[in-house]
Protein backbone atom coordinates (compact mmCIF):
# COMPACT_ATOMS: atom_id res chain seq x y z
CA MET A 1 -101.42 -112.54 86.01
CA ASN A 2 -101.23 -109.58 88.02
CA LYS A 3 -103.53 -111.21 90.48
CA LEU A 4 -101.48 -114.42 90.46
CA VAL A 5 -98.70 -112.95 91.38
CA SER A 6 -100.00 -111.02 94.25
CA LEU A 7 -101.58 -114.43 95.69
CA ILE A 8 -98.26 -116.01 95.12
CA SER A 9 -96.21 -113.15 97.10
CA GLY A 10 -99.23 -113.35 99.70
CA ILE A 11 -98.72 -117.16 100.33
CA ILE A 12 -94.80 -117.06 100.60
CA PHE A 13 -95.16 -113.77 102.82
CA GLY A 14 -97.69 -116.18 105.09
CA ILE A 15 -95.34 -119.07 104.95
CA GLY A 16 -92.91 -116.68 105.95
CA LEU A 17 -94.79 -115.00 109.22
CA VAL A 18 -95.96 -118.85 110.56
CA ILE A 19 -92.15 -120.32 109.91
CA SER A 20 -90.49 -117.29 111.91
CA GLU A 21 -93.57 -117.57 114.33
CA MET A 22 -94.94 -114.06 114.00
CA ILE A 23 -98.36 -114.87 114.24
CA ASN A 24 -97.68 -115.61 117.74
CA PRO A 25 -98.75 -112.76 120.06
CA GLU A 26 -96.46 -114.03 122.52
CA LYS A 27 -93.29 -114.08 120.22
CA VAL A 28 -94.22 -110.52 119.32
CA LEU A 29 -94.66 -108.98 122.59
CA GLY A 30 -91.83 -110.68 123.93
CA PHE A 31 -89.44 -108.81 120.80
CA LEU A 32 -91.35 -105.39 122.18
CA ASP A 33 -90.45 -106.09 125.79
CA LEU A 34 -87.37 -104.05 125.61
CA PHE A 35 -86.96 -103.73 129.24
CA GLY A 36 -88.16 -106.95 130.38
CA ASN A 37 -87.53 -110.46 129.20
CA TRP A 38 -86.19 -109.40 125.61
CA ASP A 39 -86.82 -111.94 122.88
CA PRO A 40 -84.25 -111.06 120.08
CA SER A 41 -85.25 -114.04 117.83
CA LEU A 42 -87.72 -111.65 115.33
CA ALA A 43 -84.66 -109.07 115.16
CA PHE A 44 -82.89 -111.91 113.36
CA VAL A 45 -85.92 -112.51 110.90
CA MET A 46 -86.16 -108.98 110.20
CA ILE A 47 -82.18 -109.24 109.36
CA GLY A 48 -82.52 -112.03 107.40
CA ALA A 49 -85.03 -109.96 105.33
CA LEU A 50 -83.06 -107.31 104.69
CA ILE A 51 -79.93 -109.55 103.65
CA VAL A 52 -82.12 -110.86 100.92
CA SER A 53 -83.75 -107.65 99.60
CA SER A 54 -80.71 -105.16 100.12
CA PRO A 55 -78.94 -106.61 96.94
CA LEU A 56 -82.12 -106.94 95.03
CA PHE A 57 -83.08 -103.51 95.60
CA HIS A 58 -79.49 -102.07 94.75
CA ILE A 59 -79.40 -104.03 91.39
CA ILE A 60 -82.87 -102.93 90.61
CA LYS A 61 -82.22 -99.32 91.40
CA LYS A 62 -78.77 -99.06 89.41
CA LYS A 63 -80.62 -100.63 85.73
CA LYS A 64 -81.55 -97.91 83.38
CA ASN A 65 -85.03 -99.46 82.07
CA GLN A 66 -86.65 -99.76 85.17
CA TYR A 67 -89.72 -101.48 83.65
CA LEU A 68 -91.01 -103.25 86.69
CA LEU A 69 -91.06 -99.79 88.36
CA LYS A 70 -93.05 -97.72 86.13
CA ILE A 71 -95.67 -100.79 85.94
CA LEU A 72 -95.62 -100.16 89.63
CA ILE A 73 -96.65 -96.62 89.27
CA ILE A 74 -99.17 -97.05 87.02
CA GLN A 75 -100.85 -99.72 89.32
CA ILE A 76 -100.66 -97.51 92.34
CA THR A 77 -101.71 -94.23 90.22
CA LYS A 78 -104.83 -96.32 89.12
CA VAL A 79 -105.64 -97.39 92.30
CA LEU A 80 -105.37 -94.18 94.06
CA ILE A 81 -107.34 -92.40 91.46
CA LEU A 82 -109.88 -95.54 91.76
CA ASN A 83 -110.47 -94.84 95.63
CA LEU A 84 -110.55 -90.59 95.01
CA PHE A 85 -113.84 -91.39 93.25
């Protein structure tokens, strides 16, 4: 189940990159060129991501039973332990 959720999340993330044209190197370089021909369109993509994620972050943060956070910490700990040995 965890791998399926990861796959779906990755697909959604990849589709978002394609739609926002963040896979186009010229677009990214245009965004990073602050003193030349600056392209602010990727800033709007980042602002949109913050608008979506910020309310959810605060809702989850206020919950008393943070079940998903506990699962995430356990998974990260497992990965770190496996990488150490």
